[in-house]
Amino acid sequence: METLFTILSCGYIFFAMSTASTMRFGVALRSYILASTTLGLLILILGYRESSLHLLALGLLTLIFKVLLIPTFMQYFFSLSGVRPQIGSRSKPTLTRFISFIIILFVSITLVFFGNGHFLNHNLLITIAAFASVGIASLSLVFAKSTYGQLFGILMIENAFSLLILALGVQFHLSIEFWLLCTALVAWMIMHILSDRIRAVFGVETVSTLNELSE
């Protein structure tokens, strides 16, 4: 069981890095789906081990919303508008991966040597993955040229906080997670409509264009 936790935790970090470092929308979407699948499996396995109906329901909810509904809505809206979204990045993928490795190393050292033993348990790798993925997802917000890139960062940050709550053993009410998932889905729909309108008017959709309009 612990080996499976280790594999899934490492896999989640890998998919988080892939989502943040790619410059192609299709790759980012596929990495987000794989990361969300890994998160859902972690929740389900922990729920099975602890015989927790709450965690089992949360795992199923995660798989339904993040693996099925959100990607389906993405593809549906793009098929309606007939556009091929671009992510773009102010940073090269190799630089983003390098910074991600630095974040993982920093988080690991901090939790192991300065965590006062609170994180030295069977959930250590999950906790490292959760804290590190928050920083890695933030890179998408910092380096993104497109609002779609920023939105993937927001979705991955929401994933990371769910993983962090799981690692710390905090009882997170199912209805709260449900509304967070609904909020993420609605936010994506609004951002897509906004980005599509910006592209239709200005011929290009970038973070700088959105910032200019907001000012």
N, C-alpha and C. Protein backbone atom coordinates (compact mmCIF):
# COMPACT_ATOMS: atom_id res chain seq x y z
N MET A 1 0.83 -1.21 0.00
CA MET A 1 0.00 0.00 0.00
C MET A 1 0.86 1.26 0.00
N GLU A 2 1.93 1.24 0.83
CA GLU A 2 2.80 2.42 0.91
C GLU A 2 3.54 2.63 -0.42
N THR A 3 3.89 1.52 -1.08
CA THR A 3 4.54 1.63 -2.39
C THR A 3 3.62 2.29 -3.40
N LEU A 4 2.35 1.94 -3.35
CA LEU A 4 1.37 2.53 -4.26
C LEU A 4 1.20 4.02 -3.97
N PHE A 5 1.18 4.40 -2.68
CA PHE A 5 1.11 5.81 -2.32
C PHE A 5 2.31 6.56 -2.89
N THR A 6 3.50 5.95 -2.79
CA THR A 6 4.72 6.58 -3.29
C THR A 6 4.66 6.79 -4.79
N ILE A 7 4.22 5.76 -5.51
CA ILE A 7 4.13 5.84 -6.97
C ILE A 7 3.14 6.93 -7.39
N LEU A 8 1.97 6.94 -6.75
CA LEU A 8 0.95 7.93 -7.11
C LEU A 8 1.38 9.35 -6.76
N SER A 9 2.07 9.51 -5.62
CA SER A 9 2.53 10.85 -5.23
C SER A 9 3.57 11.38 -6.21
N CYS A 10 4.52 10.51 -6.59
CA CYS A 10 5.53 10.91 -7.59
C CYS A 10 4.88 11.18 -8.93
N GLY A 11 3.89 10.35 -9.28
CA GLY A 11 3.18 10.57 -10.54
C GLY A 11 2.44 11.89 -10.56
N TYR A 12 1.84 12.26 -9.42
CA TYR A 12 1.12 13.53 -9.37
C TYR A 12 2.08 14.71 -9.59
N ILE A 13 3.24 14.66 -8.93
CA ILE A 13 4.22 15.74 -9.11
C ILE A 13 4.65 15.83 -10.57
N PHE A 14 4.87 14.67 -11.21
CA PHE A 14 5.28 14.66 -12.61
C PHE A 14 4.22 15.30 -13.49
N PHE A 15 2.95 14.95 -13.29
CA PHE A 15 1.88 15.50 -14.12
C PHE A 15 1.68 16.99 -13.83
N ALA A 16 1.90 17.40 -12.57
CA ALA A 16 1.81 18.83 -12.24
C ALA A 16 2.89 19.61 -12.98
N MET A 17 4.11 19.06 -13.01
CA MET A 17 5.20 19.71 -13.75
C MET A 17 4.89 19.76 -15.23
N SER A 18 4.33 18.69 -15.77
CA SER A 18 4.00 18.65 -17.18
C SER A 18 2.94 19.69 -17.54
N THR A 19 1.95 19.87 -16.67
CA THR A 19 0.91 20.87 -16.91
C THR A 19 1.48 22.27 -16.90
N ALA A 20 2.41 22.54 -15.98
CA ALA A 20 2.96 23.88 -15.85
C ALA A 20 3.97 24.22 -16.94
N SER A 21 4.69 23.21 -17.44
CA SER A 21 5.80 23.49 -18.35
C SER A 21 5.44 23.41 -19.83
N THR A 22 4.29 22.82 -20.16
CA THR A 22 3.96 22.67 -21.57
C THR A 22 3.47 23.99 -22.18
N MET A 23 3.65 24.11 -23.49
CA MET A 23 3.16 25.28 -24.21
C MET A 23 2.04 24.90 -25.18
N ARG A 24 1.55 23.68 -25.06
CA ARG A 24 0.48 23.18 -25.93
C ARG A 24 -0.76 22.87 -25.10
N PHE A 25 -1.89 23.34 -25.56
CA PHE A 25 -3.13 23.17 -24.81
C PHE A 25 -3.49 21.70 -24.64
N GLY A 26 -3.36 20.91 -25.71
CA GLY A 26 -3.71 19.49 -25.64
C GLY A 26 -2.89 18.74 -24.61
N VAL A 27 -1.61 19.04 -24.54
CA VAL A 27 -0.73 18.38 -23.57
C VAL A 27 -1.10 18.81 -22.15
N ALA A 28 -1.40 20.10 -21.98
CA ALA A 28 -1.79 20.60 -20.66
C ALA A 28 -3.09 19.95 -20.20
N LEU A 29 -4.05 19.81 -21.10
CA LEU A 29 -5.32 19.17 -20.75
C LEU A 29 -5.11 17.72 -20.38
N ARG A 30 -4.30 17.01 -21.17
CA ARG A 30 -4.04 15.60 -20.87
C ARG A 30 -3.32 15.45 -19.53
N SER A 31 -2.36 16.33 -19.26
CA SER A 31 -1.63 16.27 -17.99
C SER A 31 -2.55 16.58 -16.82
N TYR A 32 -3.46 17.55 -17.00
CA TYR A 32 -4.43 17.87 -15.94
C TYR A 32 -5.34 16.69 -15.66
N ILE A 33 -5.78 16.00 -16.71
CA ILE A 33 -6.63 14.82 -16.52
C ILE A 33 -5.89 13.74 -15.76
N LEU A 34 -4.63 13.50 -16.13
CA LEU A 34 -3.84 12.46 -15.46
C LEU A 34 -3.57 12.84 -14.01
N ALA A 35 -3.29 14.14 -13.77
CA ALA A 35 -3.06 14.59 -12.39
C ALA A 35 -4.33 14.42 -11.55
N SER A 36 -5.47 14.78 -12.12
CA SER A 36 -6.73 14.65 -11.40
C SER A 36 -7.09 13.18 -11.17
N THR A 37 -6.77 12.33 -12.15
CA THR A 37 -7.00 10.89 -11.97
C THR A 37 -6.15 10.36 -10.83
N THR A 38 -4.88 10.78 -10.78
CA THR A 38 -3.99 10.36 -9.70
C THR A 38 -4.52 10.84 -8.35
N LEU A 39 -4.99 12.09 -8.30
CA LEU A 39 -5.56 12.62 -7.06
C LEU A 39 -6.78 11.81 -6.63
N GLY A 40 -7.66 11.52 -7.57
CA GLY A 40 -8.85 10.73 -7.26
C GLY A 40 -8.51 9.35 -6.74
N LEU A 41 -7.50 8.71 -7.35
CA LEU A 41 -7.07 7.39 -6.90
C LEU A 41 -6.49 7.43 -5.49
N LEU A 42 -5.70 8.47 -5.21
CA LEU A 42 -5.14 8.62 -3.87
C LEU A 42 -6.25 8.74 -2.82
N ILE A 43 -7.26 9.53 -3.13
CA ILE A 43 -8.38 9.70 -2.19
C ILE A 43 -9.14 8.39 -2.01
N LEU A 44 -9.39 7.69 -3.12
CA LEU A 44 -10.13 6.43 -3.04
C LEU A 44 -9.36 5.37 -2.25
N ILE A 45 -8.04 5.29 -2.49
CA ILE A 45 -7.24 4.28 -1.78
C ILE A 45 -7.18 4.59 -0.29
N LEU A 46 -7.01 5.87 0.03
CA LEU A 46 -6.99 6.24 1.45
C LEU A 46 -8.35 5.99 2.10
N GLY A 47 -9.42 6.27 1.36
CA GLY A 47 -10.75 6.01 1.88
C GLY A 47 -11.00 4.53 2.09
N TYR A 48 -10.50 3.70 1.19
CA TYR A 48 -10.64 2.25 1.34
C TYR A 48 -9.83 1.75 2.53
N ARG A 49 -8.61 2.28 2.70
CA ARG A 49 -7.76 1.84 3.80
C ARG A 49 -8.34 2.22 5.15
N GLU A 50 -8.96 3.41 5.20
CA GLU A 50 -9.50 3.88 6.47
C GLU A 50 -11.00 3.61 6.61
N SER A 51 -11.57 2.90 5.62
CA SER A 51 -13.00 2.58 5.63
C SER A 51 -13.84 3.84 5.82
N SER A 52 -13.49 4.88 5.05
CA SER A 52 -14.16 6.17 5.16
C SER A 52 -15.08 6.38 3.96
N LEU A 53 -16.37 6.39 4.20
CA LEU A 53 -17.32 6.67 3.12
C LEU A 53 -17.16 8.09 2.60
N HIS A 54 -16.77 9.01 3.50
CA HIS A 54 -16.57 10.40 3.11
C HIS A 54 -15.48 10.50 2.05
N LEU A 55 -14.34 9.84 2.28
CA LEU A 55 -13.23 9.90 1.33
C LEU A 55 -13.57 9.15 0.04
N LEU A 56 -14.28 8.05 0.15
CA LEU A 56 -14.69 7.32 -1.05
C LEU A 56 -15.60 8.17 -1.94
N ALA A 57 -16.55 8.87 -1.30
CA ALA A 57 -17.43 9.75 -2.06
C ALA A 57 -16.66 10.92 -2.67
N LEU A 58 -15.70 11.45 -1.90
CA LEU A 58 -14.89 12.56 -2.40
C LEU A 58 -14.03 12.12 -3.57
N GLY A 59 -13.48 10.91 -3.51
CA GLY A 59 -12.69 10.40 -4.63
C GLY A 59 -13.51 10.24 -5.89
N LEU A 60 -14.72 9.69 -5.74
CA LEU A 60 -15.61 9.53 -6.89
C LEU A 60 -16.01 10.89 -7.46
N LEU A 61 -16.28 11.85 -6.57
CA LEU A 61 -16.65 13.20 -7.01
C LEU A 61 -15.50 13.85 -7.77
N THR A 62 -14.29 13.63 -7.29
CA THR A 62 -13.11 14.18 -7.97
C THR A 62 -12.97 13.60 -9.37
N LEU A 63 -13.12 12.28 -9.49
CA LEU A 63 -12.99 11.65 -10.80
C LEU A 63 -14.09 12.10 -11.75
N ILE A 64 -15.31 12.23 -11.25
CA ILE A 64 -16.43 12.62 -12.11
C ILE A 64 -16.26 14.05 -12.62
N PHE A 65 -15.95 14.98 -11.70
CA PHE A 65 -15.85 16.38 -12.08
C PHE A 65 -14.57 16.69 -12.84
N LYS A 66 -13.42 16.32 -12.25
CA LYS A 66 -12.14 16.78 -12.79
C LYS A 66 -11.64 15.94 -13.96
N VAL A 67 -12.02 14.69 -14.00
CA VAL A 67 -11.54 13.82 -15.07
C VAL A 67 -12.54 13.76 -16.22
N LEU A 68 -13.83 13.87 -15.91
CA LEU A 68 -14.86 13.73 -16.94
C LEU A 68 -15.52 15.05 -17.32
N LEU A 69 -16.13 15.73 -16.36
CA LEU A 69 -16.97 16.89 -16.68
C LEU A 69 -16.16 18.09 -17.19
N ILE A 70 -15.14 18.52 -16.45
CA ILE A 70 -14.39 19.71 -16.85
C ILE A 70 -13.73 19.53 -18.21
N PRO A 71 -12.99 18.41 -18.48
CA PRO A 71 -12.43 18.23 -19.83
C PRO A 71 -13.51 18.15 -20.92
N THR A 72 -14.65 17.52 -20.60
CA THR A 72 -15.73 17.42 -21.59
C THR A 72 -16.28 18.80 -21.93
N PHE A 73 -16.47 19.64 -20.92
CA PHE A 73 -16.95 21.00 -21.16
C PHE A 73 -15.93 21.79 -21.99
N MET A 74 -14.66 21.60 -21.70
CA MET A 74 -13.61 22.28 -22.47
C MET A 74 -13.72 21.93 -23.94
N GLN A 75 -13.74 20.64 -24.23
CA GLN A 75 -13.79 20.20 -25.62
C GLN A 75 -15.10 20.62 -26.29
N TYR A 76 -16.19 20.63 -25.53
CA TYR A 76 -17.49 21.02 -26.08
C TYR A 76 -17.49 22.48 -26.51
N PHE A 77 -16.99 23.36 -25.65
CA PHE A 77 -16.99 24.78 -25.96
C PHE A 77 -16.04 25.09 -27.12
N PHE A 78 -14.91 24.39 -27.19
CA PHE A 78 -13.99 24.63 -28.29
C PHE A 78 -14.57 24.12 -29.61
N SER A 79 -15.33 23.04 -29.57
CA SER A 79 -15.95 22.54 -30.79
C SER A 79 -17.02 23.51 -31.28
N LEU A 80 -17.69 24.20 -30.36
CA LEU A 80 -18.70 25.19 -30.75
C LEU A 80 -18.07 26.42 -31.39
N SER A 81 -16.97 26.89 -30.80
CA SER A 81 -16.34 28.11 -31.30
C SER A 81 -15.40 27.84 -32.46
N GLY A 82 -14.94 26.60 -32.60
CA GLY A 82 -14.05 26.26 -33.70
C GLY A 82 -12.67 26.85 -33.58
N VAL A 83 -12.21 27.14 -32.38
CA VAL A 83 -10.90 27.72 -32.17
C VAL A 83 -9.96 26.69 -31.58
N ARG A 84 -8.67 26.91 -31.81
CA ARG A 84 -7.64 26.07 -31.20
C ARG A 84 -6.90 26.93 -30.19
N PRO A 85 -7.19 26.76 -28.91
CA PRO A 85 -6.59 27.63 -27.89
C PRO A 85 -5.09 27.46 -27.79
N GLN A 86 -4.43 28.54 -27.47
CA GLN A 86 -2.99 28.53 -27.27
C GLN A 86 -2.69 28.90 -25.82
N ILE A 87 -1.69 28.26 -25.27
CA ILE A 87 -1.31 28.58 -23.89
C ILE A 87 -0.17 29.57 -23.88
N GLY A 88 0.96 29.20 -24.46
CA GLY A 88 2.11 30.10 -24.47
C GLY A 88 2.70 30.28 -23.09
N SER A 89 3.93 30.70 -23.03
CA SER A 89 4.59 30.90 -21.75
C SER A 89 5.72 31.90 -21.92
N ARG A 90 5.93 32.69 -20.87
CA ARG A 90 7.05 33.61 -20.86
C ARG A 90 8.36 32.91 -20.52
N SER A 91 8.27 31.66 -20.16
CA SER A 91 9.44 30.88 -19.76
C SER A 91 9.55 29.65 -20.66
N LYS A 92 10.77 29.25 -20.95
CA LYS A 92 10.98 28.02 -21.71
C LYS A 92 10.63 26.82 -20.83
N PRO A 93 10.14 25.73 -21.44
CA PRO A 93 9.77 24.55 -20.65
C PRO A 93 10.91 24.03 -19.77
N THR A 94 12.14 24.08 -20.29
CA THR A 94 13.27 23.59 -19.49
C THR A 94 13.48 24.45 -18.24
N LEU A 95 13.30 25.76 -18.35
CA LEU A 95 13.44 26.64 -17.19
C LEU A 95 12.33 26.39 -16.18
N THR A 96 11.11 26.19 -16.67
CA THR A 96 9.99 25.90 -15.78
C THR A 96 10.22 24.60 -15.03
N ARG A 97 10.72 23.57 -15.72
CA ARG A 97 11.00 22.30 -15.05
C ARG A 97 12.11 22.47 -14.02
N PHE A 98 13.13 23.26 -14.35
CA PHE A 98 14.24 23.48 -13.41
C PHE A 98 13.72 24.17 -12.14
N ILE A 99 12.91 25.20 -12.31
CA ILE A 99 12.33 25.89 -11.15
C ILE A 99 11.45 24.93 -10.35
N SER A 100 10.73 24.05 -11.06
CA SER A 100 9.87 23.07 -10.38
C SER A 100 10.71 22.13 -9.51
N PHE A 101 11.84 21.69 -10.03
CA PHE A 101 12.73 20.83 -9.25
C PHE A 101 13.25 21.56 -8.01
N ILE A 102 13.56 22.84 -8.16
CA ILE A 102 14.02 23.64 -7.02
C ILE A 102 12.92 23.73 -5.96
N ILE A 103 11.68 23.93 -6.41
CA ILE A 103 10.54 24.00 -5.49
C ILE A 103 10.38 22.68 -4.74
N ILE A 104 10.46 21.57 -5.48
CA ILE A 104 10.32 20.25 -4.84
C ILE A 104 11.42 20.02 -3.82
N LEU A 105 12.66 20.38 -4.18
CA LEU A 105 13.79 20.21 -3.27
C LEU A 105 13.63 21.07 -2.03
N PHE A 106 13.22 22.32 -2.21
CA PHE A 106 13.03 23.23 -1.09
C PHE A 106 11.93 22.73 -0.15
N VAL A 107 10.82 22.30 -0.72
CA VAL A 107 9.71 21.80 0.09
C VAL A 107 10.12 20.54 0.85
N SER A 108 10.83 19.64 0.18
CA SER A 108 11.26 18.40 0.82
C SER A 108 12.19 18.67 2.00
N ILE A 109 13.17 19.55 1.81
CA ILE A 109 14.11 19.87 2.88
C ILE A 109 13.38 20.55 4.04
N THR A 110 12.48 21.46 3.71
CA THR A 110 11.75 22.19 4.75
C THR A 110 10.90 21.26 5.60
N LEU A 111 10.17 20.34 4.95
CA LEU A 111 9.30 19.44 5.69
C LEU A 111 10.07 18.41 6.50
N VAL A 112 11.18 17.92 5.96
CA VAL A 112 11.94 16.88 6.64
C VAL A 112 12.76 17.43 7.80
N PHE A 113 13.44 18.55 7.57
CA PHE A 113 14.38 19.06 8.57
C PHE A 113 13.80 20.14 9.47
N PHE A 114 12.76 20.83 9.01
CA PHE A 114 12.21 21.92 9.80
C PHE A 114 10.74 21.71 10.16
N GLY A 115 10.23 20.51 9.89
CA GLY A 115 8.83 20.23 10.19
C GLY A 115 8.59 19.73 11.59
N ASN A 116 9.65 19.65 12.39
CA ASN A 116 9.55 19.21 13.79
C ASN A 116 8.89 17.84 13.92
N GLY A 117 9.08 17.03 12.88
CA GLY A 117 8.56 15.66 12.94
C GLY A 117 7.08 15.51 12.64
N HIS A 118 6.38 16.62 12.43
CA HIS A 118 4.93 16.53 12.21
C HIS A 118 4.59 15.82 10.89
N PHE A 119 5.49 15.92 9.91
CA PHE A 119 5.19 15.35 8.60
C PHE A 119 5.95 14.05 8.34
N LEU A 120 6.71 13.58 9.33
CA LEU A 120 7.48 12.36 9.14
C LEU A 120 6.60 11.15 9.40
N ASN A 121 5.67 10.90 8.52
CA ASN A 121 4.77 9.76 8.64
C ASN A 121 4.51 9.18 7.26
N HIS A 122 3.54 8.29 7.15
CA HIS A 122 3.28 7.63 5.88
C HIS A 122 2.73 8.58 4.83
N ASN A 123 2.31 9.78 5.22
CA ASN A 123 1.79 10.75 4.25
C ASN A 123 2.84 11.78 3.84
N LEU A 124 4.11 11.54 4.16
CA LEU A 124 5.14 12.53 3.88
C LEU A 124 5.22 12.87 2.39
N LEU A 125 5.27 11.86 1.55
CA LEU A 125 5.39 12.11 0.11
C LEU A 125 4.16 12.82 -0.45
N ILE A 126 2.98 12.47 0.06
CA ILE A 126 1.77 13.16 -0.38
C ILE A 126 1.82 14.63 0.04
N THR A 127 2.33 14.88 1.26
CA THR A 127 2.44 16.26 1.75
C THR A 127 3.44 17.05 0.92
N ILE A 128 4.57 16.43 0.60
CA ILE A 128 5.56 17.09 -0.27
C ILE A 128 4.94 17.40 -1.63
N ALA A 129 4.24 16.41 -2.19
CA ALA A 129 3.60 16.62 -3.50
C ALA A 129 2.58 17.75 -3.44
N ALA A 130 1.83 17.83 -2.35
CA ALA A 130 0.80 18.86 -2.22
C ALA A 130 1.42 20.25 -2.13
N PHE A 131 2.37 20.45 -1.21
CA PHE A 131 3.00 21.76 -1.06
C PHE A 131 3.75 22.16 -2.33
N ALA A 132 4.48 21.21 -2.90
CA ALA A 132 5.27 21.52 -4.09
C ALA A 132 4.38 21.85 -5.28
N SER A 133 3.26 21.13 -5.41
CA SER A 133 2.38 21.37 -6.56
C SER A 133 1.69 22.71 -6.49
N VAL A 134 1.52 23.26 -5.27
CA VAL A 134 0.99 24.63 -5.17
C VAL A 134 1.97 25.61 -5.82
N GLY A 135 3.25 25.45 -5.48
CA GLY A 135 4.26 26.32 -6.08
C GLY A 135 4.41 26.10 -7.57
N ILE A 136 4.35 24.84 -8.00
CA ILE A 136 4.49 24.53 -9.43
C ILE A 136 3.31 25.08 -10.22
N ALA A 137 2.10 24.93 -9.68
CA ALA A 137 0.92 25.46 -10.36
C ALA A 137 0.98 26.98 -10.44
N SER A 138 1.57 27.60 -9.44
CA SER A 138 1.69 29.07 -9.45
C SER A 138 2.56 29.55 -10.60
N LEU A 139 3.47 28.69 -11.07
CA LEU A 139 4.30 29.06 -12.22
C LEU A 139 3.44 29.29 -13.45
N SER A 140 2.36 28.52 -13.56
CA SER A 140 1.45 28.71 -14.70
C SER A 140 0.82 30.09 -14.66
N LEU A 141 0.51 30.58 -13.46
CA LEU A 141 -0.07 31.91 -13.33
C LEU A 141 0.95 32.99 -13.63
N VAL A 142 2.20 32.77 -13.23
CA VAL A 142 3.25 33.78 -13.39
C VAL A 142 3.73 33.87 -14.83
N PHE A 143 3.93 32.71 -15.46
CA PHE A 143 4.55 32.69 -16.78
C PHE A 143 3.55 32.66 -17.94
N ALA A 144 2.27 32.44 -17.66
CA ALA A 144 1.30 32.25 -18.75
C ALA A 144 1.12 33.52 -19.58
N LYS A 145 1.09 33.34 -20.89
CA LYS A 145 0.75 34.44 -21.80
C LYS A 145 -0.74 34.46 -22.09
N SER A 146 -1.39 33.33 -21.94
CA SER A 146 -2.80 33.19 -22.26
C SER A 146 -3.61 32.99 -20.98
N THR A 147 -4.85 33.45 -21.02
CA THR A 147 -5.72 33.22 -19.87
C THR A 147 -6.01 31.74 -19.67
N TYR A 148 -5.92 30.95 -20.74
CA TYR A 148 -6.12 29.51 -20.60
C TYR A 148 -4.99 28.90 -19.78
N GLY A 149 -3.77 29.39 -19.97
CA GLY A 149 -2.65 28.92 -19.17
C GLY A 149 -2.83 29.27 -17.70
N GLN A 150 -3.32 30.48 -17.44
CA GLN A 150 -3.59 30.87 -16.06
C GLN A 150 -4.69 30.02 -15.44
N LEU A 151 -5.69 29.69 -16.25
CA LEU A 151 -6.80 28.90 -15.72
C LEU A 151 -6.35 27.48 -15.36
N PHE A 152 -5.46 26.91 -16.15
CA PHE A 152 -4.91 25.61 -15.79
C PHE A 152 -4.15 25.71 -14.47
N GLY A 153 -3.48 26.84 -14.25
CA GLY A 153 -2.80 27.05 -12.98
C GLY A 153 -3.77 27.07 -11.82
N ILE A 154 -4.91 27.74 -12.01
CA ILE A 154 -5.93 27.81 -10.96
C ILE A 154 -6.50 26.42 -10.67
N LEU A 155 -6.78 25.65 -11.73
CA LEU A 155 -7.32 24.30 -11.55
C LEU A 155 -6.32 23.40 -10.83
N MET A 156 -5.03 23.55 -11.15
CA MET A 156 -4.01 22.72 -10.50
C MET A 156 -3.79 23.15 -9.04
N ILE A 157 -3.94 24.44 -8.76
CA ILE A 157 -3.84 24.90 -7.37
C ILE A 157 -5.00 24.31 -6.55
N GLU A 158 -6.19 24.28 -7.14
CA GLU A 158 -7.33 23.67 -6.45
C GLU A 158 -7.06 22.19 -6.18
N ASN A 159 -6.45 21.51 -7.15
CA ASN A 159 -6.05 20.12 -6.96
C ASN A 159 -5.06 19.98 -5.81
N ALA A 160 -4.07 20.88 -5.79
CA ALA A 160 -3.01 20.82 -4.78
C ALA A 160 -3.58 21.02 -3.38
N PHE A 161 -4.52 21.94 -3.23
CA PHE A 161 -5.11 22.16 -1.91
C PHE A 161 -5.96 20.95 -1.48
N SER A 162 -6.62 20.31 -2.42
CA SER A 162 -7.36 19.09 -2.10
C SER A 162 -6.39 18.01 -1.63
N LEU A 163 -5.25 17.89 -2.30
CA LEU A 163 -4.24 16.91 -1.90
C LEU A 163 -3.64 17.26 -0.54
N LEU A 164 -3.46 18.54 -0.29
CA LEU A 164 -2.91 18.97 1.00
C LEU A 164 -3.87 18.66 2.14
N ILE A 165 -5.15 18.91 1.93
CA ILE A 165 -6.16 18.59 2.94
C ILE A 165 -6.16 17.08 3.21
N LEU A 166 -6.01 16.30 2.14
CA LEU A 166 -5.95 14.85 2.28
C LEU A 166 -4.73 14.42 3.09
N ALA A 167 -3.57 15.00 2.79
CA ALA A 167 -2.33 14.62 3.47
C ALA A 167 -2.34 15.00 4.94
N LEU A 168 -2.94 16.14 5.26
CA LEU A 168 -2.96 16.61 6.65
C LEU A 168 -4.06 15.96 7.47
N GLY A 169 -4.92 15.19 6.81
CA GLY A 169 -5.97 14.49 7.53
C GLY A 169 -7.09 15.38 8.01
N VAL A 170 -7.27 16.52 7.35
CA VAL A 170 -8.33 17.44 7.75
C VAL A 170 -9.66 16.94 7.18
N GLN A 171 -10.69 16.93 8.01
CA GLN A 171 -12.02 16.53 7.54
C GLN A 171 -12.65 17.67 6.75
N PHE A 172 -12.71 17.51 5.45
CA PHE A 172 -13.21 18.53 4.54
C PHE A 172 -14.62 18.13 4.13
N HIS A 173 -15.60 18.95 4.49
CA HIS A 173 -16.98 18.58 4.22
C HIS A 173 -17.20 18.41 2.72
N LEU A 174 -17.91 17.37 2.37
CA LEU A 174 -18.10 17.02 0.97
C LEU A 174 -18.80 18.12 0.19
N SER A 175 -19.74 18.80 0.81
CA SER A 175 -20.48 19.86 0.12
C SER A 175 -19.56 21.02 -0.25
N ILE A 176 -18.55 21.30 0.60
CA ILE A 176 -17.61 22.38 0.31
C ILE A 176 -16.79 22.04 -0.93
N GLU A 177 -16.29 20.80 -0.98
CA GLU A 177 -15.53 20.37 -2.15
C GLU A 177 -16.40 20.39 -3.40
N PHE A 178 -17.66 20.01 -3.25
CA PHE A 178 -18.58 20.02 -4.39
C PHE A 178 -18.74 21.43 -4.95
N TRP A 179 -18.92 22.41 -4.07
CA TRP A 179 -19.10 23.78 -4.53
C TRP A 179 -17.80 24.35 -5.09
N LEU A 180 -16.66 23.91 -4.57
CA LEU A 180 -15.38 24.33 -5.14
C LEU A 180 -15.24 23.80 -6.57
N LEU A 181 -15.62 22.56 -6.77
CA LEU A 181 -15.56 21.98 -8.11
C LEU A 181 -16.52 22.69 -9.05
N CYS A 182 -17.72 23.00 -8.57
CA CYS A 182 -18.69 23.74 -9.39
C CYS A 182 -18.16 25.12 -9.73
N THR A 183 -17.51 25.76 -8.75
CA THR A 183 -16.94 27.08 -8.99
C THR A 183 -15.84 27.02 -10.04
N ALA A 184 -15.00 25.98 -9.96
CA ALA A 184 -13.94 25.81 -10.95
C ALA A 184 -14.52 25.61 -12.35
N LEU A 185 -15.59 24.83 -12.43
CA LEU A 185 -16.21 24.57 -13.73
C LEU A 185 -16.84 25.84 -14.29
N VAL A 186 -17.57 26.58 -13.48
CA VAL A 186 -18.20 27.82 -13.93
C VAL A 186 -17.14 28.86 -14.29
N ALA A 187 -16.06 28.93 -13.49
CA ALA A 187 -14.98 29.87 -13.79
C ALA A 187 -14.35 29.56 -15.14
N TRP A 188 -14.18 28.28 -15.43
CA TRP A 188 -13.60 27.93 -16.73
C TRP A 188 -14.53 28.36 -17.87
N MET A 189 -15.83 28.15 -17.71
CA MET A 189 -16.78 28.53 -18.75
C MET A 189 -16.76 30.04 -18.98
N ILE A 190 -16.71 30.81 -17.89
CA ILE A 190 -16.69 32.27 -18.02
C ILE A 190 -15.40 32.74 -18.69
N MET A 191 -14.27 32.16 -18.26
CA MET A 191 -12.99 32.55 -18.85
C MET A 191 -12.93 32.18 -20.33
N HIS A 192 -13.51 31.04 -20.71
CA HIS A 192 -13.52 30.66 -22.11
C HIS A 192 -14.34 31.65 -22.93
N ILE A 193 -15.52 31.99 -22.45
CA ILE A 193 -16.38 32.94 -23.18
C ILE A 193 -15.68 34.29 -23.31
N LEU A 194 -15.04 34.75 -22.22
CA LEU A 194 -14.33 36.02 -22.25
C LEU A 194 -13.16 35.97 -23.21
N SER A 195 -12.37 34.90 -23.16
CA SER A 195 -11.22 34.77 -24.05
C SER A 195 -11.65 34.68 -25.51
N ASP A 196 -12.75 33.99 -25.76
CA ASP A 196 -13.26 33.86 -27.12
C ASP A 196 -13.70 35.21 -27.66
N ARG A 197 -14.33 36.03 -26.83
CA ARG A 197 -14.76 37.36 -27.26
C ARG A 197 -13.56 38.27 -27.52
N ILE A 198 -12.54 38.17 -26.67
CA ILE A 198 -11.33 38.98 -26.87
C ILE A 198 -10.67 38.61 -28.19
N ARG A 199 -10.60 37.31 -28.47
CA ARG A 199 -9.99 36.86 -29.72
C ARG A 199 -10.80 37.33 -30.92
N ALA A 200 -12.13 37.31 -30.81
CA ALA A 200 -12.98 37.72 -31.92
C ALA A 200 -12.83 39.20 -32.23
N VAL A 201 -12.63 40.04 -31.19
CA VAL A 201 -12.54 41.49 -31.38
C VAL A 201 -11.14 41.92 -31.75
N PHE A 202 -10.14 41.39 -31.03
CA PHE A 202 -8.76 41.87 -31.20
C PHE A 202 -7.90 40.93 -32.04
N GLY A 203 -8.40 39.73 -32.33
CA GLY A 203 -7.63 38.79 -33.13
C GLY A 203 -6.58 38.03 -32.35
N VAL A 204 -6.42 38.35 -31.10
CA VAL A 204 -5.44 37.68 -30.25
C VAL A 204 -5.95 37.69 -28.82
N GLU A 205 -5.62 36.67 -28.07
CA GLU A 205 -6.09 36.55 -26.68
C GLU A 205 -4.88 36.31 -25.80
N THR A 206 -4.50 37.32 -25.04
CA THR A 206 -3.34 37.21 -24.17
C THR A 206 -3.66 37.82 -22.81
N VAL A 207 -2.79 37.52 -21.85
CA VAL A 207 -2.96 38.09 -20.53
C VAL A 207 -2.80 39.60 -20.56
N SER A 208 -1.86 40.10 -21.38
CA SER A 208 -1.64 41.54 -21.47
C SER A 208 -2.87 42.25 -22.02
N THR A 209 -3.53 41.64 -23.02
CA THR A 209 -4.76 42.22 -23.56
C THR A 209 -5.85 42.28 -22.51
N LEU A 210 -5.97 41.21 -21.74
CA LEU A 210 -6.97 41.18 -20.68
C LEU A 210 -6.68 42.23 -19.61
N ASN A 211 -5.42 42.41 -19.27
CA ASN A 211 -5.04 43.41 -18.29
C ASN A 211 -5.34 44.82 -18.78
N GLU A 212 -5.09 45.07 -20.06
CA GLU A 212 -5.38 46.39 -20.65
C GLU A 212 -6.87 46.68 -20.61
N LEU A 213 -7.69 45.67 -20.90
CA LEU A 213 -9.13 45.87 -20.88
C LEU A 213 -9.64 46.11 -19.47
N SER A 214 -9.05 45.42 -18.48
CA SER A 214 -9.48 45.58 -17.10
C SER A 214 -9.12 46.97 -16.56
N GLU A 215 -8.05 47.56 -17.12
CA GLU A 215 -7.66 48.90 -16.69
C GLU A 215 -8.53 49.98 -17.34
